[in-house]
PDB file of N, CA and C in Angstrom:
ATOM      1  N   MET A   1     -26.765  45.631  72.781  1.00  0.00           N
ATOM      2  CA  MET A   1     -26.517  44.338  72.171  1.00  0.00           C
ATOM      3  C   MET A   1     -25.059  44.285  71.716  1.00  0.00           C
ATOM      4  N   VAL A   2     -24.421  43.178  71.977  1.00  0.00           N
ATOM      5  CA  VAL A   2     -23.020  42.997  71.618  1.00  0.00           C
ATOM      6  C   VAL A   2     -22.935  42.260  70.292  1.00  0.00           C
ATOM      7  N   THR A   3     -22.139  42.770  69.378  1.00  0.00           N
ATOM      8  CA  THR A   3     -21.916  42.127  68.094  1.00  0.00           C
ATOM      9  C   THR A   3     -20.495  41.592  68.067  1.00  0.00           C
ATOM     10  N   SER A   4     -20.332  40.323  67.780  1.00  0.00           N
ATOM     11  CA  SER A   4     -19.006  39.719  67.728  1.00  0.00           C
ATOM     12  C   SER A   4     -18.449  39.821  66.310  1.00  0.00           C
ATOM     13  N   VAL A   5     -17.189  40.170  66.202  1.00  0.00           N
ATOM     14  CA  VAL A   5     -16.579  40.293  64.886  1.00  0.00           C
ATOM     15  C   VAL A   5     -16.296  38.945  64.256  1.00  0.00           C
ATOM     16  N   THR A   6     -16.245  37.876  65.064  1.00  0.00           N
ATOM     17  CA  THR A   6     -15.962  36.560  64.508  1.00  0.00           C
ATOM     18  C   THR A   6     -17.221  35.780  64.172  1.00  0.00           C
ATOM     19  N   SER A   7     -18.366  36.327  64.482  1.00  0.00           N
ATOM     20  CA  SER A   7     -19.626  35.674  64.159  1.00  0.00           C
ATOM     21  C   SER A   7     -19.984  35.972  62.707  1.00  0.00           C
ATOM     22  N   LEU A   8     -20.752  35.085  62.074  1.00  0.00           N
ATOM     23  CA  LEU A   8     -21.068  35.275  60.659  1.00  0.00           C
ATOM     24  C   LEU A   8     -22.146  36.337  60.459  1.00  0.00           C
ATOM     25  N   GLY A   9     -23.182  36.287  61.251  1.00  0.00           N
ATOM     26  CA  GLY A   9     -24.268  37.261  61.146  1.00  0.00           C
ATOM     27  C   GLY A   9     -23.988  38.479  62.004  1.00  0.00           C
ATOM     28  N   ARG A  10     -24.926  39.406  62.005  1.00  0.00           N
ATOM     29  CA  ARG A  10     -24.739  40.607  62.807  1.00  0.00           C
ATOM     30  C   ARG A  10     -24.984  40.345  64.285  1.00  0.00           C
ATOM     31  N   ASN A  11     -25.823  39.364  64.586  1.00  0.00           N
ATOM     32  CA  ASN A  11     -26.056  38.988  65.975  1.00  0.00           C
ATOM     33  C   ASN A  11     -26.529  37.534  66.011  1.00  0.00           C
ATOM     34  N   GLY A  12     -26.903  37.065  67.182  1.00  0.00           N
ATOM     35  CA  GLY A  12     -27.290  35.673  67.335  1.00  0.00           C
ATOM     36  C   GLY A  12     -28.491  35.273  66.506  1.00  0.00           C
ATOM     37  N   LEU A  13     -29.444  36.182  66.316  1.00  0.00           N
ATOM     38  CA  LEU A  13     -30.628  35.863  65.522  1.00  0.00           C
ATOM     39  C   LEU A  13     -30.255  35.601  64.066  1.00  0.00           C
ATOM     40  N   TYR A  14     -29.385  36.416  63.523  1.00  0.00           N
ATOM     41  CA  TYR A  14     -28.950  36.217  62.137  1.00  0.00           C
ATOM     42  C   TYR A  14     -28.152  34.928  61.994  1.00  0.00           C
ATOM     43  N   ASP A  15     -27.298  34.644  62.967  1.00  0.00           N
ATOM     44  CA  ASP A  15     -26.558  33.380  62.936  1.00  0.00           C
ATOM     45  C   ASP A  15     -27.513  32.194  62.993  1.00  0.00           C
ATOM     46  N   TRP A  16     -28.500  32.269  63.865  1.00  0.00           N
ATOM     47  CA  TRP A  16     -29.496  31.202  63.988  1.00  0.00           C
ATOM     48  C   TRP A  16     -30.217  31.009  62.655  1.00  0.00           C
ATOM     49  N   LEU A  17     -30.628  32.112  62.030  1.00  0.00           N
ATOM     50  CA  LEU A  17     -31.352  32.044  60.766  1.00  0.00           C
ATOM     51  C   LEU A  17     -30.469  31.482  59.652  1.00  0.00           C
ATOM     52  N   ILE A  18     -29.216  31.914  59.584  1.00  0.00           N
ATOM     53  CA  ILE A  18     -28.295  31.400  58.565  1.00  0.00           C
ATOM     54  C   ILE A  18     -28.090  29.906  58.753  1.00  0.00           C
ATOM     55  N   GLN A  19     -27.955  29.471  60.005  1.00  0.00           N
ATOM     56  CA  GLN A  19     -27.739  28.049  60.241  1.00  0.00           C
ATOM     57  C   GLN A  19     -28.979  27.238  59.881  1.00  0.00           C
ATOM     58  N   ARG A  20     -30.159  27.741  60.147  1.00  0.00           N
ATOM     59  CA  ARG A  20     -31.385  27.012  59.803  1.00  0.00           C
ATOM     60  C   ARG A  20     -31.598  26.960  58.291  1.00  0.00           C
ATOM     61  N   VAL A  21     -31.363  28.066  57.600  1.00  0.00           N
ATOM     62  CA  VAL A  21     -31.519  28.087  56.142  1.00  0.00           C
ATOM     63  C   VAL A  21     -30.481  27.168  55.497  1.00  0.00           C
ATOM     64  N   SER A  22     -29.253  27.210  55.995  1.00  0.00           N
ATOM     65  CA  SER A  22     -28.223  26.330  55.427  1.00  0.00           C
ATOM     66  C   SER A  22     -28.559  24.866  55.692  1.00  0.00           C
ATOM     67  N   ALA A  23     -29.154  24.561  56.835  1.00  0.00           N
ATOM     68  CA  ALA A  23     -29.566  23.183  57.127  1.00  0.00           C
ATOM     69  C   ALA A  23     -30.651  22.720  56.157  1.00  0.00           C
ATOM     70  N   VAL A  24     -31.565  23.601  55.806  1.00  0.00           N
ATOM     71  CA  VAL A  24     -32.612  23.252  54.837  1.00  0.00           C
ATOM     72  C   VAL A  24     -31.996  23.016  53.467  1.00  0.00           C
ATOM     73  N   VAL A  25     -31.064  23.862  53.065  1.00  0.00           N
ATOM     74  CA  VAL A  25     -30.393  23.685  51.770  1.00  0.00           C
ATOM     75  C   VAL A  25     -29.662  22.346  51.738  1.00  0.00           C
ATOM     76  N   ILE A  26     -28.951  22.024  52.808  1.00  0.00           N
ATOM     77  CA  ILE A  26     -28.229  20.754  52.879  1.00  0.00           C
ATOM     78  C   ILE A  26     -29.207  19.581  52.807  1.00  0.00           C
ATOM     79  N   ALA A  27     -30.308  19.654  53.534  1.00  0.00           N
ATOM     80  CA  ALA A  27     -31.293  18.567  53.539  1.00  0.00           C
ATOM     81  C   ALA A  27     -31.922  18.374  52.160  1.00  0.00           C
ATOM     82  N   VAL A  28     -32.300  19.462  51.510  1.00  0.00           N
ATOM     83  CA  VAL A  28     -32.899  19.362  50.167  1.00  0.00           C
ATOM     84  C   VAL A  28     -31.897  18.772  49.186  1.00  0.00           C
ATOM     85  N   TYR A  29     -30.652  19.195  49.260  1.00  0.00           N
ATOM     86  CA  TYR A  29     -29.609  18.681  48.376  1.00  0.00           C
ATOM     87  C   TYR A  29     -29.430  17.178  48.584  1.00  0.00           C
ATOM     88  N   VAL A  30     -29.309  16.756  49.835  1.00  0.00           N
ATOM     89  CA  VAL A  30     -29.089  15.341  50.129  1.00  0.00           C
ATOM     90  C   VAL A  30     -30.287  14.503  49.681  1.00  0.00           C
ATOM     91  N   ILE A  31     -31.484  14.966  49.959  1.00  0.00           N
ATOM     92  CA  ILE A  31     -32.686  14.238  49.521  1.00  0.00           C
ATOM     93  C   ILE A  31     -32.726  14.145  48.003  1.00  0.00           C
ATOM     94  N   GLY A  32     -32.404  15.247  47.325  1.00  0.00           N
ATOM     95  CA  GLY A  32     -32.376  15.238  45.863  1.00  0.00           C
ATOM     96  C   GLY A  32     -31.336  14.292  45.302  1.00  0.00           C
ATOM     97  N   MET A  33     -30.151  14.279  45.898  1.00  0.00           N
ATOM     98  CA  MET A  33     -29.095  13.379  45.417  1.00  0.00           C
ATOM     99  C   MET A  33     -29.440  11.917  45.672  1.00  0.00           C
ATOM    100  N   VAL A  34     -29.984  11.620  46.853  1.00  0.00           N
ATOM    101  CA  VAL A  34     -30.392  10.239  47.150  1.00  0.00           C
ATOM    102  C   VAL A  34     -31.490   9.803  46.185  1.00  0.00           C
ATOM    103  N   GLY A  35     -32.442  10.689  45.916  1.00  0.00           N
ATOM    104  CA  GLY A  35     -33.496  10.381  44.953  1.00  0.00           C
ATOM    105  C   GLY A  35     -32.949  10.113  43.565  1.00  0.00           C
ATOM    106  N   TYR A  36     -32.000  10.937  43.143  1.00  0.00           N
ATOM    107  CA  TYR A  36     -31.388  10.737  41.826  1.00  0.00           C
ATOM    108  C   TYR A  36     -30.653   9.402  41.767  1.00  0.00           C
ATOM    109  N   LEU A  37     -29.909   9.081  42.812  1.00  0.00           N
ATOM    110  CA  LEU A  37     -29.150   7.832  42.828  1.00  0.00           C
ATOM    111  C   LEU A  37     -30.066   6.613  42.883  1.00  0.00           C
ATOM    112  N   ILE A  38     -31.178   6.722  43.576  1.00  0.00           N
ATOM    113  CA  ILE A  38     -32.136   5.612  43.617  1.00  0.00           C
ATOM    114  C   ILE A  38     -32.789   5.412  42.257  1.00  0.00           C
ATOM    115  N   CYS A  39     -33.156   6.501  41.609  1.00  0.00           N
ATOM    116  CA  CYS A  39     -33.821   6.414  40.306  1.00  0.00           C
ATOM    117  C   CYS A  39     -32.873   6.012  39.182  1.00  0.00           C
ATOM    118  N   ASN A  40     -31.586   6.227  39.360  1.00  0.00           N
ATOM    119  CA  ASN A  40     -30.594   5.911  38.330  1.00  0.00           C
ATOM    120  C   ASN A  40     -29.539   4.972  38.910  1.00  0.00           C
ATOM    121  N   SER A  41     -29.956   3.786  39.248  1.00  0.00           N
ATOM    122  CA  SER A  41     -29.043   2.859  39.912  1.00  0.00           C
ATOM    123  C   SER A  41     -27.964   2.304  38.978  1.00  0.00           C
ATOM    124  N   ASP A  42     -28.165   2.394  37.675  1.00  0.00           N
ATOM    125  CA  ASP A  42     -27.184   1.872  36.722  1.00  0.00           C
ATOM    126  C   ASP A  42     -26.319   2.994  36.125  1.00  0.00           C
ATOM    127  N   LEU A  43     -25.810   3.845  36.984  1.00  0.00           N
ATOM    128  CA  LEU A  43     -24.995   4.981  36.530  1.00  0.00           C
ATOM    129  C   LEU A  43     -23.627   4.520  36.051  1.00  0.00           C
ATOM    130  N   ASP A  44     -23.163   5.157  35.004  1.00  0.00           N
ATOM    131  CA  ASP A  44     -21.780   4.981  34.586  1.00  0.00           C
ATOM    132  C   ASP A  44     -21.092   6.350  34.681  1.00  0.00           C
ATOM    133  N   TYR A  45     -19.810   6.372  34.443  1.00  0.00           N
ATOM    134  CA  TYR A  45     -19.045   7.603  34.612  1.00  0.00           C
ATOM    135  C   TYR A  45     -19.532   8.710  33.684  1.00  0.00           C
ATOM    136  N   ALA A  46     -19.842   8.376  32.455  1.00  0.00           N
ATOM    137  CA  ALA A  46     -20.264   9.391  31.486  1.00  0.00           C
ATOM    138  C   ALA A  46     -21.566  10.061  31.919  1.00  0.00           C
ATOM    139  N   THR A  47     -22.513   9.263  32.405  1.00  0.00           N
ATOM    140  CA  THR A  47     -23.796   9.821  32.860  1.00  0.00           C
ATOM    141  C   THR A  47     -23.596  10.698  34.086  1.00  0.00           C
ATOM    142  N   TRP A  48     -22.812  10.181  35.043  1.00  0.00           N
ATOM    143  CA  TRP A  48     -22.552  10.944  36.265  1.00  0.00           C
ATOM    144  C   TRP A  48     -21.811  12.242  35.951  1.00  0.00           C
ATOM    145  N   SER A  49     -20.829  12.186  35.070  1.00  0.00           N
ATOM    146  CA  SER A  49     -20.059  13.362  34.698  1.00  0.00           C
ATOM    147  C   SER A  49     -20.938  14.401  33.995  1.00  0.00           C
ATOM    148  N   ALA A  50     -21.814  13.931  33.115  1.00  0.00           N
ATOM    149  CA  ALA A  50     -22.730  14.855  32.432  1.00  0.00           C
ATOM    150  C   ALA A  50     -23.700  15.490  33.424  1.00  0.00           C
ATOM    151  N   PHE A  51     -24.186  14.694  34.361  1.00  0.00           N
ATOM    152  CA  PHE A  51     -25.115  15.201  35.376  1.00  0.00           C
ATOM    153  C   PHE A  51     -24.442  16.258  36.251  1.00  0.00           C
ATOM    154  N   MET A  52     -23.254  15.943  36.760  1.00  0.00           N
ATOM    155  CA  MET A  52     -22.552  16.883  37.634  1.00  0.00           C
ATOM    156  C   MET A  52     -21.995  18.082  36.881  1.00  0.00           C
ATOM    157  N   GLY A  53     -21.771  17.931  35.588  1.00  0.00           N
ATOM    158  CA  GLY A  53     -21.237  19.028  34.790  1.00  0.00           C
ATOM    159  C   GLY A  53     -22.290  19.989  34.274  1.00  0.00           C
ATOM    160  N   SER A  54     -23.561  19.649  34.463  1.00  0.00           N
ATOM    161  CA  SER A  54     -24.620  20.543  33.985  1.00  0.00           C
ATOM    162  C   SER A  54     -24.663  21.806  34.851  1.00  0.00           C
ATOM    163  N   VAL A  55     -25.085  22.893  34.262  1.00  0.00           N
ATOM    164  CA  VAL A  55     -25.109  24.178  34.966  1.00  0.00           C
ATOM    165  C   VAL A  55     -26.018  24.144  36.197  1.00  0.00           C
ATOM    166  N   PRO A  56     -27.222  23.554  36.121  1.00  0.00           N
ATOM    167  CA  PRO A  56     -28.032  23.507  37.352  1.00  0.00           C
ATOM    168  C   PRO A  56     -27.347  22.766  38.505  1.00  0.00           C
ATOM    169  N   MET A  57     -26.652  21.674  38.197  1.00  0.00           N
ATOM    170  CA  MET A  57     -25.965  20.941  39.262  1.00  0.00           C
ATOM    171  C   MET A  57     -24.744  21.707  39.760  1.00  0.00           C
ATOM    172  N   ARG A  58     -24.077  22.418  38.893  1.00  0.00           N
ATOM    173  CA  ARG A  58     -22.947  23.237  39.346  1.00  0.00           C
ATOM    174  C   ARG A  58     -23.436  24.319  40.298  1.00  0.00           C
ATOM    175  N   ILE A  59     -24.580  24.917  39.989  1.00  0.00           N
ATOM    176  CA  ILE A  59     -25.161  25.934  40.870  1.00  0.00           C
ATOM    177  C   ILE A  59     -25.586  25.294  42.189  1.00  0.00           C
ATOM    178  N   ALA A  60     -26.224  24.132  42.113  1.00  0.00           N
ATOM    179  CA  ALA A  60     -26.650  23.428  43.331  1.00  0.00           C
ATOM    180  C   ALA A  60     -25.444  23.032  44.180  1.00  0.00           C
ATOM    181  N   ASN A  61     -24.390  22.555  43.547  1.00  0.00           N
ATOM    182  CA  ASN A  61     -23.184  22.174  44.280  1.00  0.00           C
ATOM    183  C   ASN A  61     -22.517  23.384  44.928  1.00  0.00           C
ATOM    184  N   THR A  62     -22.509  24.510  44.223  1.00  0.00           N
ATOM    185  CA  THR A  62     -21.946  25.735  44.787  1.00  0.00           C
ATOM    186  C   THR A  62     -22.762  26.203  45.980  1.00  0.00           C
ATOM    187  N   LEU A  63     -24.079  26.168  45.850  1.00  0.00           N
ATOM    188  CA  LEU A  63     -24.953  26.541  46.954  1.00  0.00           C
ATOM    189  C   LEU A  63     -24.738  25.609  48.146  1.00  0.00           C
ATOM    190  N   MET A  64     -24.593  24.329  47.867  1.00  0.00           N
ATOM    191  CA  MET A  64     -24.327  23.348  48.922  1.00  0.00           C
ATOM    192  C   MET A  64     -22.986  23.629  49.594  1.00  0.00           C
ATOM    193  N   LEU A  65     -21.971  23.934  48.823  1.00  0.00           N
ATOM    194  CA  LEU A  65     -20.643  24.224  49.360  1.00  0.00           C
ATOM    195  C   LEU A  65     -20.692  25.412  50.323  1.00  0.00           C
ATOM    196  N   PHE A  66     -21.329  26.495  49.918  1.00  0.00           N
ATOM    197  CA  PHE A  66     -21.427  27.676  50.775  1.00  0.00           C
ATOM    198  C   PHE A  66     -22.312  27.420  51.988  1.00  0.00           C
ATOM    199  N   SER A  67     -23.348  26.608  51.818  1.00  0.00           N
ATOM    200  CA  SER A  67     -24.220  26.271  52.945  1.00  0.00           C
ATOM    201  C   SER A  67     -23.477  25.455  53.991  1.00  0.00           C
ATOM    202  N   VAL A  68     -22.706  24.483  53.537  1.00  0.00           N
ATOM    203  CA  VAL A  68     -21.926  23.669  54.477  1.00  0.00           C
ATOM    204  C   VAL A  68     -20.889  24.540  55.184  1.00  0.00           C
ATOM    205  N   ALA A  69     -20.240  25.439  54.455  1.00  0.00           N
ATOM    206  CA  ALA A  69     -19.234  26.313  55.067  1.00  0.00           C
ATOM    207  C   ALA A  69     -19.869  27.241  56.104  1.00  0.00           C
ATOM    208  N   ALA A  70     -20.989  27.845  55.776  1.00  0.00           N
ATOM    209  CA  ALA A  70     -21.664  28.750  56.720  1.00  0.00           C
ATOM    210  C   ALA A  70     -22.152  27.981  57.946  1.00  0.00           C
ATOM    211  N   HIS A  71     -22.748  26.828  57.714  1.00  0.00           N
ATOM    212  CA  HIS A  71     -23.265  25.999  58.801  1.00  0.00           C
ATOM    213  C   HIS A  71     -22.118  25.556  59.724  1.00  0.00           C
ATOM    214  N   THR A  72     -21.018  25.154  59.121  1.00  0.00           N
ATOM    215  CA  THR A  72     -19.853  24.725  59.885  1.00  0.00           C
ATOM    216  C   THR A  72     -19.275  25.874  60.697  1.00  0.00           C
ATOM    217  N   TRP A  73     -19.126  27.033  60.066  1.00  0.00           N
ATOM    218  CA  TRP A  73     -18.546  28.167  60.767  1.00  0.00           C
ATOM    219  C   TRP A  73     -19.377  28.552  61.974  1.00  0.00           C
ATOM    220  N   ILE A  74     -20.675  28.669  61.806  1.00  0.00           N
ATOM    221  CA  ILE A  74     -21.529  29.087  62.920  1.00  0.00           C
ATOM    222  C   ILE A  74     -21.501  28.041  64.035  1.00  0.00           C
ATOM    223  N   GLY A  75     -21.560  26.769  63.665  1.00  0.00           N
ATOM    224  CA  GLY A  75     -21.518  25.715  64.668  1.00  0.00           C
ATOM    225  C   GLY A  75     -20.210  25.683  65.430  1.00  0.00           C
ATOM    226  N   LEU A  76     -19.102  25.749  64.714  1.00  0.00           N
ATOM    227  CA  LEU A  76     -17.797  25.700  65.385  1.00  0.00           C
ATOM    228  C   LEU A  76     -17.480  26.993  66.131  1.00  0.00           C
ATOM    229  N   TRP A  77     -17.988  28.130  65.648  1.00  0.00           N
ATOM    230  CA  TRP A  77     -17.834  29.378  66.388  1.00  0.00           C
ATOM    231  C   TRP A  77     -18.557  29.264  67.725  1.00  0.00           C
ATOM    232  N   SER A  78     -19.752  28.702  67.703  1.00  0.00           N
ATOM    233  CA  SER A  78     -20.512  28.524  68.947  1.00  0.00           C
ATOM    234  C   SER A  78     -19.779  27.587  69.898  1.00  0.00           C
ATOM    235  N   VAL A  79     -19.249  26.498  69.376  1.00  0.00           N
ATOM    236  CA  VAL A  79     -18.519  25.547  70.218  1.00  0.00           C
ATOM    237  C   VAL A  79     -17.275  26.197  70.818  1.00  0.00           C
ATOM    238  N   THR A  80     -16.519  26.921  70.005  1.00  0.00           N
ATOM    239  CA  THR A  80     -15.288  27.531  70.532  1.00  0.00           C
ATOM    240  C   THR A  80     -15.591  28.614  71.555  1.00  0.00           C
ATOM    241  N   THR A  81     -16.637  29.396  71.348  1.00  0.00           N
ATOM    242  CA  THR A  81     -16.957  30.435  72.336  1.00  0.00           C
ATOM    243  C   THR A  81     -17.556  29.840  73.601  1.00  0.00           C
ATOM    244  N   ASP A  82     -18.181  28.676  73.502  1.00  0.00           N
ATOM    245  CA  ASP A  82     -18.752  28.034  74.694  1.00  0.00           C
ATOM    246  C   ASP A  82     -17.713  27.278  75.508  1.00  0.00           C
ATOM    247  N   TYR A  83     -16.745  26.646  74.859  1.00  0.00           N
ATOM    248  CA  TYR A  83     -15.846  25.742  75.561  1.00  0.00           C
ATOM    249  C   TYR A  83     -14.408  26.226  75.703  1.00  0.00           C
ATOM    250  N   LEU A  84     -13.977  27.157  74.898  1.00  0.00           N
ATOM    251  CA  LEU A  84     -12.621  27.703  75.043  1.00  0.00           C
ATOM    252  C   LEU A  84     -12.721  28.994  75.840  1.00  0.00           C
ATOM    253  N   THR A  85     -12.949  28.854  77.130  1.00  0.00           N
ATOM    254  CA  THR A  85     -13.216  29.993  78.011  1.00  0.00           C
ATOM    255  C   THR A  85     -12.137  30.112  79.066  1.00  0.00           C
ATOM    256  N   GLY A  86     -12.293  31.116  79.894  1.00  0.00           N
ATOM    257  CA  GLY A  86     -11.372  31.335  80.994  1.00  0.00           C
ATOM    258  C   GLY A  86     -11.370  30.209  82.008  1.00  0.00           C
ATOM    259  N   LEU A  87     -12.463  29.503  82.116  1.00  0.00           N
ATOM    260  CA  LEU A  87     -12.510  28.366  83.046  1.00  0.00           C
ATOM    261  C   LEU A  87     -11.600  27.229  82.601  1.00  0.00           C
ATOM    262  N   THR A  88     -11.442  27.063  81.304  1.00  0.00           N
ATOM    263  CA  THR A  88     -10.620  25.956  80.805  1.00  0.00           C
ATOM    264  C   THR A  88      -9.188  26.376  80.487  1.00  0.00           C
ATOM    265  N   PHE A  89      -8.989  27.632  80.067  1.00  0.00           N
ATOM    266  CA  PHE A  89      -7.652  28.062  79.641  1.00  0.00           C
ATOM    267  C   PHE A  89      -7.113  29.260  80.413  1.00  0.00           C
ATOM    268  N   GLY A  90      -7.845  29.745  81.369  1.00  0.00           N
ATOM    269  CA  GLY A  90      -7.375  30.879  82.168  1.00  0.00           C
ATOM    270  C   GLY A  90      -7.251  32.144  81.338  1.00  0.00           C
ATOM    271  N   LYS A  91      -6.165  32.875  81.581  1.00  0.00           N
ATOM    272  CA  LYS A  91      -5.965  34.168  80.908  1.00  0.00           C
ATOM    273  C   LYS A  91      -5.684  34.017  79.415  1.00  0.00           C
ATOM    274  N   ALA A  92      -5.252  32.842  78.997  1.00  0.00           N
ATOM    275  CA  ALA A  92      -4.928  32.618  77.585  1.00  0.00           C
ATOM    276  C   ALA A  92      -6.149  32.242  76.756  1.00  0.00           C
ATOM    277  N   ALA A  93      -7.329  32.211  77.360  1.00  0.00           N
ATOM    278  CA  ALA A  93      -8.526  31.725  76.670  1.00  0.00           C
ATOM    279  C   ALA A  93      -8.838  32.513  75.405  1.00  0.00           C
ATOM    280  N   THR A  94      -8.768  33.825  75.467  1.00  0.00           N
ATOM    281  CA  THR A  94      -9.090  34.639  74.292  1.00  0.00           C
ATOM    282  C   THR A  94      -8.108  34.367  73.162  1.00  0.00           C
ATOM    283  N   SER A  95      -6.845  34.275  73.481  1.00  0.00           N
ATOM    284  CA  SER A  95      -5.833  33.996  72.461  1.00  0.00           C
ATOM    285  C   SER A  95      -6.023  32.611  71.859  1.00  0.00           C
ATOM    286  N   VAL A  96      -6.259  31.628  72.694  1.00  0.00           N
ATOM    287  CA  VAL A  96      -6.469  30.261  72.210  1.00  0.00           C
ATOM    288  C   VAL A  96      -7.695  30.213  71.315  1.00  0.00           C
ATOM    289  N   ARG A  97      -8.777  30.836  71.769  1.00  0.00           N
ATOM    290  CA  ARG A  97     -10.024  30.838  70.990  1.00  0.00           C
ATOM    291  C   ARG A  97      -9.824  31.501  69.630  1.00  0.00           C
ATOM    292  N   LEU A  98      -9.126  32.631  69.592  1.00  0.00           N
ATOM    293  CA  LEU A  98      -8.926  33.326  68.319  1.00  0.00           C
ATOM    294  C   LEU A  98      -8.023  32.532  67.377  1.00  0.00           C
ATOM    295  N   VAL A  99      -7.000  31.881  67.925  1.00  0.00           N
ATOM    296  CA  VAL A  99      -6.127  31.054  67.081  1.00  0.00           C
ATOM    297  C   VAL A  99      -6.921  29.897  66.492  1.00  0.00           C
ATOM    298  N   VAL A 100      -7.731  29.234  67.316  1.00  0.00           N
ATOM    299  CA  VAL A 100      -8.545  28.119  66.828  1.00  0.00           C
ATOM    300  C   VAL A 100      -9.545  28.606  65.780  1.00  0.00           C
ATOM    301  N   GLN A 101     -10.190  29.737  66.049  1.00  0.00           N
ATOM    302  CA  GLN A 101     -11.160  30.269  65.088  1.00  0.00           C
ATOM    303  C   GLN A 101     -10.486  30.702  63.797  1.00  0.00           C
ATOM    304  N   MET A 102      -9.295  31.249  63.864  1.00  0.00           N
ATOM    305  CA  MET A 102      -8.579  31.623  62.643  1.00  0.00           C
ATOM    306  C   MET A 102      -8.181  30.384  61.851  1.00  0.00           C
ATOM    307  N   ALA A 103      -7.778  29.324  62.543  1.00  0.00           N
ATOM    308  CA  ALA A 103      -7.436  28.074  61.854  1.00  0.00           C
ATOM    309  C   ALA A 103      -8.664  27.490  61.166  1.00  0.00           C
ATOM    310  N   ILE A 104      -9.800  27.517  61.846  1.00  0.00           N
ATOM    311  CA  ILE A 104     -11.044  27.021  61.246  1.00  0.00           C
ATOM    312  C   ILE A 104     -11.405  27.865  60.032  1.00  0.00           C
ATOM    313  N   ALA A 105     -11.319  29.179  60.157  1.00  0.00           N
ATOM    314  CA  ALA A 105     -11.647  30.069  59.037  1.00  0.00           C
ATOM    315  C   ALA A 105     -10.723  29.819  57.849  1.00  0.00           C
ATOM    316  N   LEU A 106      -9.441  29.633  58.112  1.00  0.00           N
ATOM    317  CA  LEU A 106      -8.489  29.364  57.038  1.00  0.00           C
ATOM    318  C   LEU A 106      -8.810  28.047  56.344  1.00  0.00           C
ATOM    319  N   LEU A 107      -9.093  27.002  57.129  1.00  0.00           N
ATOM    320  CA  LEU A 107      -9.466  25.711  56.543  1.00  0.00           C
ATOM    321  C   LEU A 107     -10.735  25.821  55.705  1.00  0.00           C
ATOM    322  N   LEU A 108     -11.730  26.536  56.217  1.00  0.00           N
ATOM    323  CA  LEU A 108     -12.964  26.702  55.448  1.00  0.00           C
ATOM    324  C   LEU A 108     -12.714  27.461  54.149  1.00  0.00           C
ATOM    325  N   LEU A 109     -11.863  28.469  54.187  1.00  0.00           N
ATOM    326  CA  LEU A 109     -11.518  29.206  52.974  1.00  0.00           C
ATOM    327  C   LEU A 109     -10.840  28.297  51.959  1.00  0.00           C
ATOM    328  N   VAL A 110      -9.909  27.474  52.423  1.00  0.00           N
ATOM    329  CA  VAL A 110      -9.234  26.520  51.532  1.00  0.00           C
ATOM    330  C   VAL A 110     -10.255  25.544  50.938  1.00  0.00           C
ATOM    331  N   TYR A 111     -11.151  25.025  51.778  1.00  0.00           N
ATOM    332  CA  TYR A 111     -12.159  24.084  51.291  1.00  0.00           C
ATOM    333  C   TYR A 111     -13.104  24.734  50.282  1.00  0.00           C
ATOM    334  N   ILE A 112     -13.473  25.980  50.519  1.00  0.00           N
ATOM    335  CA  ILE A 112     -14.360  26.682  49.579  1.00  0.00           C
ATOM    336  C   ILE A 112     -13.648  26.880  48.244  1.00  0.00           C
ATOM    337  N   LEU A 113     -12.417  27.356  48.280  1.00  0.00           N
ATOM    338  CA  LEU A 113     -11.684  27.578  47.027  1.00  0.00           C
ATOM    339  C   LEU A 113     -11.444  26.268  46.284  1.00  0.00           C
ATOM    340  N   TRP A 114     -11.098  25.224  47.013  1.00  0.00           N
ATOM    341  CA  TRP A 114     -10.882  23.907  46.418  1.00  0.00           C
ATOM    342  C   TRP A 114     -12.187  23.378  45.835  1.00  0.00           C
ATOM    343  N   GLY A 115     -13.277  23.536  46.554  1.00  0.00           N
ATOM    344  CA  GLY A 115     -14.583  23.096  46.060  1.00  0.00           C
ATOM    345  C   GLY A 115     -15.003  23.839  44.804  1.00  0.00           C
ATOM    346  N   LEU A 116     -14.804  25.157  44.788  1.00  0.00           N
ATOM    347  CA  LEU A 116     -15.154  25.935  43.599  1.00  0.00           C
ATOM    348  C   LEU A 116     -14.309  25.520  42.403  1.00  0.00           C
ATOM    349  N   LEU A 117     -13.045  25.207  42.652  1.00  0.00           N
ATOM    350  CA  LEU A 117     -12.178  24.730  41.576  1.00  0.00           C
ATOM    351  C   LEU A 117     -12.688  23.405  41.015  1.00  0.00           C
ATOM    352  N   MET A 118     -13.128  22.506  41.886  1.00  0.00           N
ATOM    353  CA  MET A 118     -13.659  21.220  41.432  1.00  0.00           C
ATOM    354  C   MET A 118     -15.008  21.390  40.716  1.00  0.00           C
ATOM    355  N   ILE A 119     -15.851  22.267  41.224  1.00  0.00           N
ATOM    356  CA  ILE A 119     -17.192  22.419  40.646  1.00  0.00           C
ATOM    357  C   ILE A 119     -17.132  23.105  39.294  1.00  0.00           C
ATOM    358  N   TRP A 120     -16.400  24.198  39.209  1.00  0.00           N
ATOM    359  CA  TRP A 120     -16.416  25.016  38.005  1.00  0.00           C
ATOM    360  C   TRP A 120     -15.243  24.737  37.065  1.00  0.00           C
ATOM    361  N   GLY A 121     -14.407  23.800  37.411  1.00  0.00           N
ATOM    362  CA  GLY A 121     -13.315  23.422  36.516  1.00  0.00           C
ATOM    363  C   GLY A 121     -12.082  24.269  36.737  1.00  0.00           C
ATOM    364  N   GLY A 122     -11.094  23.958  36.012  1.00  0.00           N
ATOM    365  CA  GLY A 122      -9.838  24.676  36.141  1.00  0.00           C
ATOM    366  C   GLY A 122      -8.683  23.701  36.173  1.00  0.00           C
ATOM    367  N   ALA A 123      -9.040  22.423  36.238  1.00  0.00           N
ATOM    368  CA  ALA A 123      -7.993  21.407  36.246  1.00  0.00           C
ATOM    369  C   ALA A 123      -8.246  20.409  35.131  1.00  0.00           C
TER     370      ALA A 123
END
């Protein structure tokens, strides 16, 4: 069995499982937020700020942030390995794929750090 160093899990099964679990987390979060917004249609800034500033919501937002990042990484890793191949880029395919994957990883890292700063404060 071949293990890729740029994949998130140890092999395809772990990547598949991480993507499915992250999809469930995202779905539960979205359903919960839509439910909250429907039940509290007369929200003002103070109520919304108190809701988002509570520890359970900070934990939920952090979990959502990591789930979106993991889901995105696995999906885009699959796309880049499927479409940035020797058929499309010739001998430069591996280099192009690694540069694109490094750019995606860097962007995801920036988004995670920025998200954590927004969720847990610091500004």
